[in-house]
Amino acid sequence: GAILTNPRRYRKSYDRADVLRQWSWQTESAPLLDLY
């Protein structure tokens, strides 16, 4: 109910700089390729 009351507030959290880049396969796969 809290989210349905104001969904935009929660979606805006993903607009923070680099949060999704940090949580991306492009970033996460880099240590794996270094291991290879």
PDB file of all heavy atoms in Angstrom:
ATOM      1  N   GLY A   1       0.805  -1.211   0.000  1.00  0.00           N
ATOM      2  CA  GLY A   1       0.000   0.000   0.000  1.00  0.00           C
ATOM      3  C   GLY A   1       0.837   1.259   0.000  1.00  0.00           C
ATOM      4  O   GLY A   1       0.501   2.247  -0.672  1.00  0.00           O
ATOM      5  N   ALA A   2       1.950   1.254   0.742  1.00  0.00           N
ATOM      6  CA  ALA A   2       2.818   2.435   0.781  1.00  0.00           C
ATOM      7  C   ALA A   2       3.375   2.748  -0.602  1.00  0.00           C
ATOM      8  O   ALA A   2       3.459   3.920  -1.013  1.00  0.00           O
ATOM      9  CB  ALA A   2       3.956   2.202   1.778  1.00  0.00           C
ATOM     10  N   ILE A   3       3.758   1.737  -1.356  1.00  0.00           N
ATOM     11  CA  ILE A   3       4.323   1.961  -2.693  1.00  0.00           C
ATOM     12  C   ILE A   3       3.241   2.401  -3.661  1.00  0.00           C
ATOM     13  O   ILE A   3       3.447   3.335  -4.456  1.00  0.00           O
ATOM     14  CB  ILE A   3       5.026   0.695  -3.196  1.00  0.00           C
ATOM     15  CG1 ILE A   3       6.296   0.447  -2.387  1.00  0.00           C
ATOM     16  CG2 ILE A   3       5.345   0.802  -4.686  1.00  0.00           C
ATOM     17  CD1 ILE A   3       7.052  -0.805  -2.763  1.00  0.00           C
ATOM     18  N   LEU A   4       2.076   1.784  -3.618  1.00  0.00           N
ATOM     19  CA  LEU A   4       1.014   2.167  -4.547  1.00  0.00           C
ATOM     20  C   LEU A   4       0.540   3.590  -4.305  1.00  0.00           C
ATOM     21  O   LEU A   4       0.046   4.252  -5.221  1.00  0.00           O
ATOM     22  CB  LEU A   4      -0.166   1.187  -4.419  1.00  0.00           C
ATOM     23  CG  LEU A   4       0.105  -0.245  -4.899  1.00  0.00           C
ATOM     24  CD1 LEU A   4      -1.120  -1.118  -4.663  1.00  0.00           C
ATOM     25  CD2 LEU A   4       0.486  -0.256  -6.369  1.00  0.00           C
ATOM     26  N   THR A   5       0.705   4.091  -3.077  1.00  0.00           N
ATOM     27  CA  THR A   5       0.309   5.465  -2.764  1.00  0.00           C
ATOM     28  C   THR A   5       1.215   6.473  -3.459  1.00  0.00           C
ATOM     29  O   THR A   5       0.750   7.536  -3.918  1.00  0.00           O
ATOM     30  CB  THR A   5       0.344   5.692  -1.242  1.00  0.00           C
ATOM     31  OG1 THR A   5      -0.551   4.767  -0.617  1.00  0.00           O
ATOM     32  CG2 THR A   5      -0.064   7.114  -0.892  1.00  0.00           C
ATOM     33  N   ASN A   6       2.503   6.174  -3.571  1.00  0.00           N
ATOM     34  CA  ASN A   6       3.449   7.126  -4.183  1.00  0.00           C
ATOM     35  C   ASN A   6       4.558   6.366  -4.911  1.00  0.00           C
ATOM     36  O   ASN A   6       5.716   6.362  -4.490  1.00  0.00           O
ATOM     37  CB  ASN A   6       4.042   8.035  -3.101  1.00  0.00           C
ATOM     38  CG  ASN A   6       4.883   9.150  -3.695  1.00  0.00           C
ATOM     39  OD1 ASN A   6       4.929   9.340  -4.911  1.00  0.00           O
ATOM     40  ND2 ASN A   6       5.571   9.895  -2.830  1.00  0.00           N
ATOM     41  N   PRO A   7       4.249   5.698  -6.024  1.00  0.00           N
ATOM     42  CA  PRO A   7       5.266   4.879  -6.702  1.00  0.00           C
ATOM     43  C   PRO A   7       6.414   5.702  -7.275  1.00  0.00           C
ATOM     44  O   PRO A   7       7.549   5.222  -7.344  1.00  0.00           O
ATOM     45  CB  PRO A   7       4.466   4.188  -7.812  1.00  0.00           C
ATOM     46  CG  PRO A   7       3.263   5.039  -8.027  1.00  0.00           C
ATOM     47  CD  PRO A   7       2.940   5.616  -6.695  1.00  0.00           C
ATOM     48  N   ARG A   8       6.136   6.936  -7.676  1.00  0.00           N
ATOM     49  CA  ARG A   8       7.188   7.752  -8.288  1.00  0.00           C
ATOM     50  C   ARG A   8       8.346   7.975  -7.323  1.00  0.00           C
ATOM     51  O   ARG A   8       9.515   8.000  -7.734  1.00  0.00           O
ATOM     52  CB  ARG A   8       6.599   9.091  -8.730  1.00  0.00           C
ATOM     53  CG  ARG A   8       7.580   9.968  -9.503  1.00  0.00           C
ATOM     54  CD  ARG A   8       6.930  11.274  -9.890  1.00  0.00           C
ATOM     55  NE  ARG A   8       5.783  11.054 -10.752  1.00  0.00           N
ATOM     56  CZ  ARG A   8       5.878  10.931 -12.058  1.00  0.00           C
ATOM     57  NH1 ARG A   8       7.055  10.998 -12.656  1.00  0.00           N
ATOM     58  NH2 ARG A   8       4.788  10.750 -12.780  1.00  0.00           N
ATOM     59  N   ARG A   9       8.030   8.102  -6.048  1.00  0.00           N
ATOM     60  CA  ARG A   9       9.085   8.320  -5.042  1.00  0.00           C
ATOM     61  C   ARG A   9      10.105   7.181  -5.051  1.00  0.00           C
ATOM     62  O   ARG A   9      11.309   7.399  -4.950  1.00  0.00           O
ATOM     63  CB  ARG A   9       8.432   8.439  -3.667  1.00  0.00           C
ATOM     64  CG  ARG A   9       9.399   8.350  -2.501  1.00  0.00           C
ATOM     65  CD  ARG A   9       8.661   8.121  -1.202  1.00  0.00           C
ATOM     66  NE  ARG A   9       9.556   7.657  -0.145  1.00  0.00           N
ATOM     67  CZ  ARG A   9       9.149   7.096   0.978  1.00  0.00           C
ATOM     68  NH1 ARG A   9       7.856   6.919   1.204  1.00  0.00           N
ATOM     69  NH2 ARG A   9      10.017   6.699   1.882  1.00  0.00           N
ATOM     70  N   TYR A  10       9.614   5.955  -5.186  1.00  0.00           N
ATOM     71  CA  TYR A  10      10.513   4.800  -5.144  1.00  0.00           C
ATOM     72  C   TYR A  10      11.259   4.618  -6.468  1.00  0.00           C
ATOM     73  O   TYR A  10      12.431   4.238  -6.488  1.00  0.00           O
ATOM     74  CB  TYR A  10       9.710   3.547  -4.804  1.00  0.00           C
ATOM     75  CG  TYR A  10       9.049   3.618  -3.444  1.00  0.00           C
ATOM     76  CD1 TYR A  10       7.728   4.073  -3.317  1.00  0.00           C
ATOM     77  CD2 TYR A  10       9.729   3.268  -2.284  1.00  0.00           C
ATOM     78  CE1 TYR A  10       7.120   4.154  -2.077  1.00  0.00           C
ATOM     79  CE2 TYR A  10       9.126   3.334  -1.043  1.00  0.00           C
ATOM     80  CZ  TYR A  10       7.817   3.786  -0.940  1.00  0.00           C
ATOM     81  OH  TYR A  10       7.216   3.870   0.294  1.00  0.00           O
ATOM     82  N   ARG A  11      10.569   4.880  -7.580  1.00  0.00           N
ATOM     83  CA  ARG A  11      11.237   4.742  -8.882  1.00  0.00           C
ATOM     84  C   ARG A  11      12.379   5.747  -9.036  1.00  0.00           C
ATOM     85  O   ARG A  11      13.373   5.465  -9.705  1.00  0.00           O
ATOM     86  CB  ARG A  11      10.230   4.927 -10.006  1.00  0.00           C
ATOM     87  CG  ARG A  11       9.226   3.784 -10.144  1.00  0.00           C
ATOM     88  CD  ARG A  11       8.310   4.011 -11.339  1.00  0.00           C
ATOM     89  NE  ARG A  11       7.260   3.016 -11.453  1.00  0.00           N
ATOM     90  CZ  ARG A  11       7.366   1.886 -12.138  1.00  0.00           C
ATOM     91  NH1 ARG A  11       8.492   1.602 -12.780  1.00  0.00           N
ATOM     92  NH2 ARG A  11       6.355   1.039 -12.198  1.00  0.00           N
ATOM     93  N   LYS A  12      12.235   6.911  -8.431  1.00  0.00           N
ATOM     94  CA  LYS A  12      13.285   7.938  -8.551  1.00  0.00           C
ATOM     95  C   LYS A  12      14.604   7.476  -7.947  1.00  0.00           C
ATOM     96  O   LYS A  12      15.658   8.016  -8.283  1.00  0.00           O
ATOM     97  CB  LYS A  12      12.827   9.237  -7.880  1.00  0.00           C
ATOM     98  CG  LYS A  12      11.784  10.010  -8.673  1.00  0.00           C
ATOM     99  CD  LYS A  12      11.326  11.256  -7.931  1.00  0.00           C
ATOM    100  CE  LYS A  12      12.489  12.235  -7.765  1.00  0.00           C
ATOM    101  NZ  LYS A  12      12.043  13.487  -7.087  1.00  0.00           N
ATOM    102  N   SER A  13      14.554   6.488  -7.050  1.00  0.00           N
ATOM    103  CA  SER A  13      15.801   6.000  -6.442  1.00  0.00           C
ATOM    104  C   SER A  13      16.756   5.458  -7.489  1.00  0.00           C
ATOM    105  O   SER A  13      17.981   5.509  -7.314  1.00  0.00           O
ATOM    106  CB  SER A  13      15.481   4.899  -5.423  1.00  0.00           C
ATOM    107  OG  SER A  13      14.644   5.370  -4.407  1.00  0.00           O
ATOM    108  N   TYR A  14      16.227   4.936  -8.594  1.00  0.00           N
ATOM    109  CA  TYR A  14      17.078   4.369  -9.637  1.00  0.00           C
ATOM    110  C   TYR A  14      17.741   5.448 -10.499  1.00  0.00           C
ATOM    111  O   TYR A  14      18.608   5.134 -11.311  1.00  0.00           O
ATOM    112  CB  TYR A  14      16.266   3.432 -10.529  1.00  0.00           C
ATOM    113  CG  TYR A  14      15.709   2.240  -9.791  1.00  0.00           C
ATOM    114  CD1 TYR A  14      14.338   2.012  -9.748  1.00  0.00           C
ATOM    115  CD2 TYR A  14      16.552   1.347  -9.124  1.00  0.00           C
ATOM    116  CE1 TYR A  14      13.813   0.913  -9.074  1.00  0.00           C
ATOM    117  CE2 TYR A  14      16.034   0.256  -8.440  1.00  0.00           C
ATOM    118  CZ  TYR A  14      14.663   0.044  -8.420  1.00  0.00           C
ATOM    119  OH  TYR A  14      14.162  -1.045  -7.743  1.00  0.00           O
ATOM    120  N   ASP A  15      17.336   6.697 -10.317  1.00  0.00           N
ATOM    121  CA  ASP A  15      17.950   7.781 -11.088  1.00  0.00           C
ATOM    122  C   ASP A  15      19.257   8.258 -10.483  1.00  0.00           C
ATOM    123  O   ASP A  15      19.944   9.093 -11.067  1.00  0.00           O
ATOM    124  CB  ASP A  15      16.978   8.963 -11.191  1.00  0.00           C
ATOM    125  CG  ASP A  15      15.722   8.616 -11.968  1.00  0.00           C
ATOM    126  OD1 ASP A  15      15.810   7.707 -12.814  1.00  0.00           O
ATOM    127  OD2 ASP A  15      14.671   9.232 -11.715  1.00  0.00           O
ATOM    128  N   ARG A  16      19.582   7.760  -9.293  1.00  0.00           N
ATOM    129  CA  ARG A  16      20.850   8.147  -8.679  1.00  0.00           C
ATOM    130  C   ARG A  16      22.017   7.724  -9.562  1.00  0.00           C
ATOM    131  O   ARG A  16      21.991   6.684 -10.215  1.00  0.00           O
ATOM    132  CB  ARG A  16      21.007   7.500  -7.304  1.00  0.00           C
ATOM    133  CG  ARG A  16      20.007   7.994  -6.284  1.00  0.00           C
ATOM    134  CD  ARG A  16      20.314   7.378  -4.930  1.00  0.00           C
ATOM    135  NE  ARG A  16      19.293   7.707  -3.941  1.00  0.00           N
ATOM    136  CZ  ARG A  16      19.323   7.282  -2.687  1.00  0.00           C
ATOM    137  NH1 ARG A  16      20.329   6.513  -2.282  1.00  0.00           N
ATOM    138  NH2 ARG A  16      18.361   7.614  -1.853  1.00  0.00           N
ATOM    139  N   ALA A  17      23.047   8.534  -9.559  1.00  0.00           N
ATOM    140  CA  ALA A  17      24.196   8.291 -10.443  1.00  0.00           C
ATOM    141  C   ALA A  17      24.804   6.917 -10.185  1.00  0.00           C
ATOM    142  O   ALA A  17      25.125   6.569  -9.052  1.00  0.00           O
ATOM    143  CB  ALA A  17      25.254   9.378 -10.223  1.00  0.00           C
ATOM    144  N   ASP A  18      24.903   6.147 -11.247  1.00  0.00           N
ATOM    145  CA  ASP A  18      25.663   4.903 -11.282  1.00  0.00           C
ATOM    146  C   ASP A  18      25.090   3.755 -10.453  1.00  0.00           C
ATOM    147  O   ASP A  18      25.723   2.700 -10.369  1.00  0.00           O
ATOM    148  CB  ASP A  18      27.116   5.126 -10.837  1.00  0.00           C
ATOM    149  CG  ASP A  18      27.921   5.845 -11.903  1.00  0.00           C
ATOM    150  OD1 ASP A  18      27.497   5.795 -13.079  1.00  0.00           O
ATOM    151  OD2 ASP A  18      28.933   6.452 -11.555  1.00  0.00           O
ATOM    152  N   VAL A  19      23.894   3.879  -9.859  1.00  0.00           N
ATOM    153  CA  VAL A  19      23.412   2.760  -9.063  1.00  0.00           C
ATOM    154  C   VAL A  19      23.147   1.536  -9.943  1.00  0.00           C
ATOM    155  O   VAL A  19      23.545   0.413  -9.593  1.00  0.00           O
ATOM    156  CB  VAL A  19      22.145   3.148  -8.260  1.00  0.00           C
ATOM    157  CG1 VAL A  19      20.984   3.542  -9.171  1.00  0.00           C
ATOM    158  CG2 VAL A  19      21.728   1.982  -7.365  1.00  0.00           C
ATOM    159  N   LEU A  20      22.536   1.739 -11.106  1.00  0.00           N
ATOM    160  CA  LEU A  20      22.284   0.599 -11.971  1.00  0.00           C
ATOM    161  C   LEU A  20      23.546   0.160 -12.697  1.00  0.00           C
ATOM    162  O   LEU A  20      23.680  -1.021 -13.038  1.00  0.00           O
ATOM    163  CB  LEU A  20      21.172   0.926 -12.972  1.00  0.00           C
ATOM    164  CG  LEU A  20      19.772   1.061 -12.350  1.00  0.00           C
ATOM    165  CD1 LEU A  20      18.736   1.345 -13.432  1.00  0.00           C
ATOM    166  CD2 LEU A  20      19.386  -0.199 -11.573  1.00  0.00           C
ATOM    167  N   ARG A  21      24.468   1.068 -12.941  1.00  0.00           N
ATOM    168  CA  ARG A  21      25.745   0.647 -13.543  1.00  0.00           C
ATOM    169  C   ARG A  21      26.513  -0.234 -12.573  1.00  0.00           C
ATOM    170  O   ARG A  21      27.139  -1.222 -12.966  1.00  0.00           O
ATOM    171  CB  ARG A  21      26.574   1.870 -13.952  1.00  0.00           C
ATOM    172  CG  ARG A  21      27.964   1.486 -14.469  1.00  0.00           C
ATOM    173  CD  ARG A  21      28.611   2.611 -15.241  1.00  0.00           C
ATOM    174  NE  ARG A  21      27.951   2.819 -16.521  1.00  0.00           N
ATOM    175  CZ  ARG A  21      28.166   2.076 -17.601  1.00  0.00           C
ATOM    176  NH1 ARG A  21      29.003   1.054 -17.556  1.00  0.00           N
ATOM    177  NH2 ARG A  21      27.538   2.344 -18.711  1.00  0.00           N
ATOM    178  N   GLN A  22      26.482   0.105 -11.288  1.00  0.00           N
ATOM    179  CA  GLN A  22      27.139  -0.750 -10.300  1.00  0.00           C
ATOM    180  C   GLN A  22      26.475  -2.119 -10.241  1.00  0.00           C
ATOM    181  O   GLN A  22      27.135  -3.124  -9.983  1.00  0.00           O
ATOM    182  CB  GLN A  22      27.086  -0.089  -8.923  1.00  0.00           C
ATOM    183  CG  GLN A  22      27.928   1.176  -8.808  1.00  0.00           C
ATOM    184  CD  GLN A  22      27.694   1.897  -7.497  1.00  0.00           C
ATOM    185  OE1 GLN A  22      27.088   1.345  -6.579  1.00  0.00           O
ATOM    186  NE2 GLN A  22      28.151   3.144  -7.411  1.00  0.00           N
ATOM    187  N   TRP A  23      25.165  -2.166 -10.481  1.00  0.00           N
ATOM    188  CA  TRP A  23      24.423  -3.417 -10.464  1.00  0.00           C
ATOM    189  C   TRP A  23      24.239  -3.964 -11.882  1.00  0.00           C
ATOM    190  O   TRP A  23      23.197  -4.513 -12.204  1.00  0.00           O
ATOM    191  CB  TRP A  23      23.050  -3.207  -9.834  1.00  0.00           C
ATOM    192  CG  TRP A  23      23.079  -3.004  -8.352  1.00  0.00           C
ATOM    193  CD1 TRP A  23      24.145  -3.128  -7.518  1.00  0.00           C
ATOM    194  CD2 TRP A  23      21.969  -2.644  -7.537  1.00  0.00           C
ATOM    195  NE1 TRP A  23      23.782  -2.871  -6.227  1.00  0.00           N
ATOM    196  CE2 TRP A  23      22.438  -2.566  -6.204  1.00  0.00           C
ATOM    197  CE3 TRP A  23      20.629  -2.374  -7.780  1.00  0.00           C
ATOM    198  CZ2 TRP A  23      21.613  -2.231  -5.129  1.00  0.00           C
ATOM    199  CZ3 TRP A  23      19.799  -2.040  -6.717  1.00  0.00           C
ATOM    200  CH2 TRP A  23      20.285  -1.973  -5.403  1.00  0.00           C
ATOM    201  N   SER A  24      25.225  -3.847 -12.713  1.00  0.00           N
ATOM    202  CA  SER A  24      25.102  -4.302 -14.096  1.00  0.00           C
ATOM    203  C   SER A  24      26.124  -5.400 -14.386  1.00  0.00           C
ATOM    204  O   SER A  24      27.176  -5.491 -13.737  1.00  0.00           O
ATOM    205  CB  SER A  24      25.314  -3.140 -15.066  1.00  0.00           C
ATOM    206  OG  SER A  24      26.678  -2.741 -15.073  1.00  0.00           O
ATOM    207  N   TRP A  25      25.833  -6.217 -15.386  1.00  0.00           N
ATOM    208  CA  TRP A  25      26.747  -7.279 -15.770  1.00  0.00           C
ATOM    209  C   TRP A  25      28.033  -6.714 -16.357  1.00  0.00           C
ATOM    210  O   TRP A  25      29.093  -7.329 -16.233  1.00  0.00           O
ATOM    211  CB  TRP A  25      26.061  -8.223 -16.750  1.00  0.00           C
ATOM    212  CG  TRP A  25      26.873  -9.425 -17.090  1.00  0.00           C
ATOM    213  CD1 TRP A  25      27.295  -9.810 -18.312  1.00  0.00           C
ATOM    214  CD2 TRP A  25      27.394 -10.403 -16.180  1.00  0.00           C
ATOM    215  NE1 TRP A  25      28.042 -10.971 -18.237  1.00  0.00           N
ATOM    216  CE2 TRP A  25      28.113 -11.358 -16.925  1.00  0.00           C
ATOM    217  CE3 TRP A  25      27.318 -10.562 -14.793  1.00  0.00           C
ATOM    218  CZ2 TRP A  25      28.747 -12.447 -16.349  1.00  0.00           C
ATOM    219  CZ3 TRP A  25      27.956 -11.656 -14.223  1.00  0.00           C
ATOM    220  CH2 TRP A  25      28.657 -12.577 -14.988  1.00  0.00           C
ATOM    221  N   GLN A  26      27.960  -5.535 -16.978  1.00  0.00           N
ATOM    222  CA  GLN A  26      29.190  -4.921 -17.478  1.00  0.00           C
ATOM    223  C   GLN A  26      30.191  -4.701 -16.345  1.00  0.00           C
ATOM    224  O   GLN A  26      31.390  -4.936 -16.507  1.00  0.00           O
ATOM    225  CB  GLN A  26      28.887  -3.568 -18.160  1.00  0.00           C
ATOM    226  CG  GLN A  26      28.179  -3.707 -19.488  1.00  0.00           C
ATOM    227  CD  GLN A  26      26.671  -3.614 -19.341  1.00  0.00           C
ATOM    228  OE1 GLN A  26      26.121  -4.028 -18.314  1.00  0.00           O
ATOM    229  NE2 GLN A  26      25.986  -3.099 -20.358  1.00  0.00           N
ATOM    230  N   THR A  27      29.686  -4.277 -15.176  1.00  0.00           N
ATOM    231  CA  THR A  27      30.563  -4.043 -14.022  1.00  0.00           C
ATOM    232  C   THR A  27      30.920  -5.348 -13.324  1.00  0.00           C
ATOM    233  O   THR A  27      32.086  -5.595 -12.987  1.00  0.00           O
ATOM    234  CB  THR A  27      29.880  -3.093 -13.028  1.00  0.00           C
ATOM    235  OG1 THR A  27      29.640  -1.838 -13.675  1.00  0.00           O
ATOM    236  CG2 THR A  27      30.740  -2.870 -11.792  1.00  0.00           C
ATOM    237  N   GLU A  28      29.938  -6.189 -13.100  1.00  0.00           N
ATOM    238  CA  GLU A  28      30.161  -7.408 -12.324  1.00  0.00           C
ATOM    239  C   GLU A  28      31.056  -8.411 -13.056  1.00  0.00           C
ATOM    240  O   GLU A  28      31.760  -9.199 -12.414  1.00  0.00           O
ATOM    241  CB  GLU A  28      28.819  -8.061 -11.990  1.00  0.00           C
ATOM    242  CG  GLU A  28      27.948  -7.258 -11.039  1.00  0.00           C
ATOM    243  CD  GLU A  28      28.557  -7.105  -9.662  1.00  0.00           C
ATOM    244  OE1 GLU A  28      29.324  -8.000  -9.245  1.00  0.00           O
ATOM    245  OE2 GLU A  28      28.274  -6.099  -8.994  1.00  0.00           O
ATOM    246  N   SER A  29      31.035  -8.413 -14.382  1.00  0.00           N
ATOM    247  CA  SER A  29      31.833  -9.391 -15.123  1.00  0.00           C
ATOM    248  C   SER A  29      33.303  -9.009 -15.207  1.00  0.00           C
ATOM    249  O   SER A  29      34.145  -9.860 -15.541  1.00  0.00           O
ATOM    250  CB  SER A  29      31.266  -9.578 -16.533  1.00  0.00           C
ATOM    251  OG  SER A  29      31.341  -8.365 -17.266  1.00  0.00           O
ATOM    252  N   ALA A  30      33.644  -7.765 -14.898  1.00  0.00           N
ATOM    253  CA  ALA A  30      35.046  -7.334 -15.009  1.00  0.00           C
ATOM    254  C   ALA A  30      35.987  -8.157 -14.128  1.00  0.00           C
ATOM    255  O   ALA A  30      37.039  -8.619 -14.596  1.00  0.00           O
ATOM    256  CB  ALA A  30      35.158  -5.845 -14.696  1.00  0.00           C
ATOM    257  N   PRO A  31      35.675  -8.398 -12.819  1.00  0.00           N
ATOM    258  CA  PRO A  31      36.566  -9.246 -12.015  1.00  0.00           C
ATOM    259  C   PRO A  31      36.667 -10.677 -12.550  1.00  0.00           C
ATOM    260  O   PRO A  31      37.727 -11.310 -12.439  1.00  0.00           O
ATOM    261  CB  PRO A  31      35.922  -9.228 -10.618  1.00  0.00           C
ATOM    262  CG  PRO A  31      35.065  -8.011 -10.598  1.00  0.00           C
ATOM    263  CD  PRO A  31      34.579  -7.844 -12.000  1.00  0.00           C
ATOM    264  N   LEU A  32      35.596 -11.182 -13.131  1.00  0.00           N
ATOM    265  CA  LEU A  32      35.626 -12.524 -13.703  1.00  0.00           C
ATOM    266  C   LEU A  32      36.592 -12.587 -14.886  1.00  0.00           C
ATOM    267  O   LEU A  32      37.402 -13.513 -14.999  1.00  0.00           O
ATOM    268  CB  LEU A  32      34.220 -12.927 -14.143  1.00  0.00           C
ATOM    269  CG  LEU A  32      34.089 -14.254 -14.892  1.00  0.00           C
ATOM    270  CD1 LEU A  32      34.498 -15.411 -14.001  1.00  0.00           C
ATOM    271  CD2 LEU A  32      32.659 -14.441 -15.391  1.00  0.00           C
ATOM    272  N   LEU A  33      36.540 -11.584 -15.742  1.00  0.00           N
ATOM    273  CA  LEU A  33      37.447 -11.560 -16.889  1.00  0.00           C
ATOM    274  C   LEU A  33      38.898 -11.370 -16.453  1.00  0.00           C
ATOM    275  O   LEU A  33      39.819 -11.918 -17.064  1.00  0.00           O
ATOM    276  CB  LEU A  33      37.032 -10.456 -17.858  1.00  0.00           C
ATOM    277  CG  LEU A  33      35.636 -10.628 -18.477  1.00  0.00           C
ATOM    278  CD1 LEU A  33      35.292  -9.426 -19.334  1.00  0.00           C
ATOM    279  CD2 LEU A  33      35.557 -11.913 -19.287  1.00  0.00           C
ATOM    280  N   ASP A  34      39.094 -10.607 -15.384  1.00  0.00           N
ATOM    281  CA  ASP A  34      40.450 -10.478 -14.829  1.00  0.00           C
ATOM    282  C   ASP A  34      40.958 -11.837 -14.336  1.00  0.00           C
ATOM    283  O   ASP A  34      42.147 -12.163 -14.499  1.00  0.00           O
ATOM    284  CB  ASP A  34      40.464  -9.469 -13.679  1.00  0.00           C
ATOM    285  CG  ASP A  34      40.272  -8.032 -14.155  1.00  0.00           C
ATOM    286  OD1 ASP A  34      40.471  -7.790 -15.369  1.00  0.00           O
ATOM    287  OD2 ASP A  34      39.911  -7.177 -13.329  1.00  0.00           O
ATOM    288  N   LEU A  35      40.069 -12.616 -13.717  1.00  0.00           N
ATOM    289  CA  LEU A  35      40.446 -13.958 -13.262  1.00  0.00           C
ATOM    290  C   LEU A  35      40.847 -14.825 -14.447  1.00  0.00           C
ATOM    291  O   LEU A  35      41.857 -15.541 -14.397  1.00  0.00           O
ATOM    292  CB  LEU A  35      39.288 -14.586 -12.501  1.00  0.00           C
ATOM    293  CG  LEU A  35      39.463 -16.053 -12.064  1.00  0.00           C
ATOM    294  CD1 LEU A  35      40.629 -16.187 -11.091  1.00  0.00           C
ATOM    295  CD2 LEU A  35      38.174 -16.581 -11.438  1.00  0.00           C
ATOM    296  N   TYR A  36      40.086 -14.771 -15.543  1.00  0.00           N
ATOM    297  CA  TYR A  36      40.442 -15.522 -16.742  1.00  0.00           C
ATOM    298  C   TYR A  36      41.835 -15.137 -17.230  1.00  0.00           C
ATOM    299  O   TYR A  36      42.648 -16.005 -17.587  1.00  0.00           O
ATOM    300  CB  TYR A  36      39.442 -15.242 -17.867  1.00  0.00           C
ATOM    301  CG  TYR A  36      38.064 -15.843 -17.699  1.00  0.00           C
ATOM    302  CD1 TYR A  36      37.038 -15.506 -18.582  1.00  0.00           C
ATOM    303  CD2 TYR A  36      37.773 -16.744 -16.681  1.00  0.00           C
ATOM    304  CE1 TYR A  36      35.765 -16.051 -18.460  1.00  0.00           C
ATOM    305  CE2 TYR A  36      36.513 -17.283 -16.547  1.00  0.00           C
ATOM    306  CZ  TYR A  36      35.514 -16.931 -17.435  1.00  0.00           C
ATOM    307  OH  TYR A  36      34.261 -17.467 -17.314  1.00  0.00           O
TER     308      TYR A  36
END
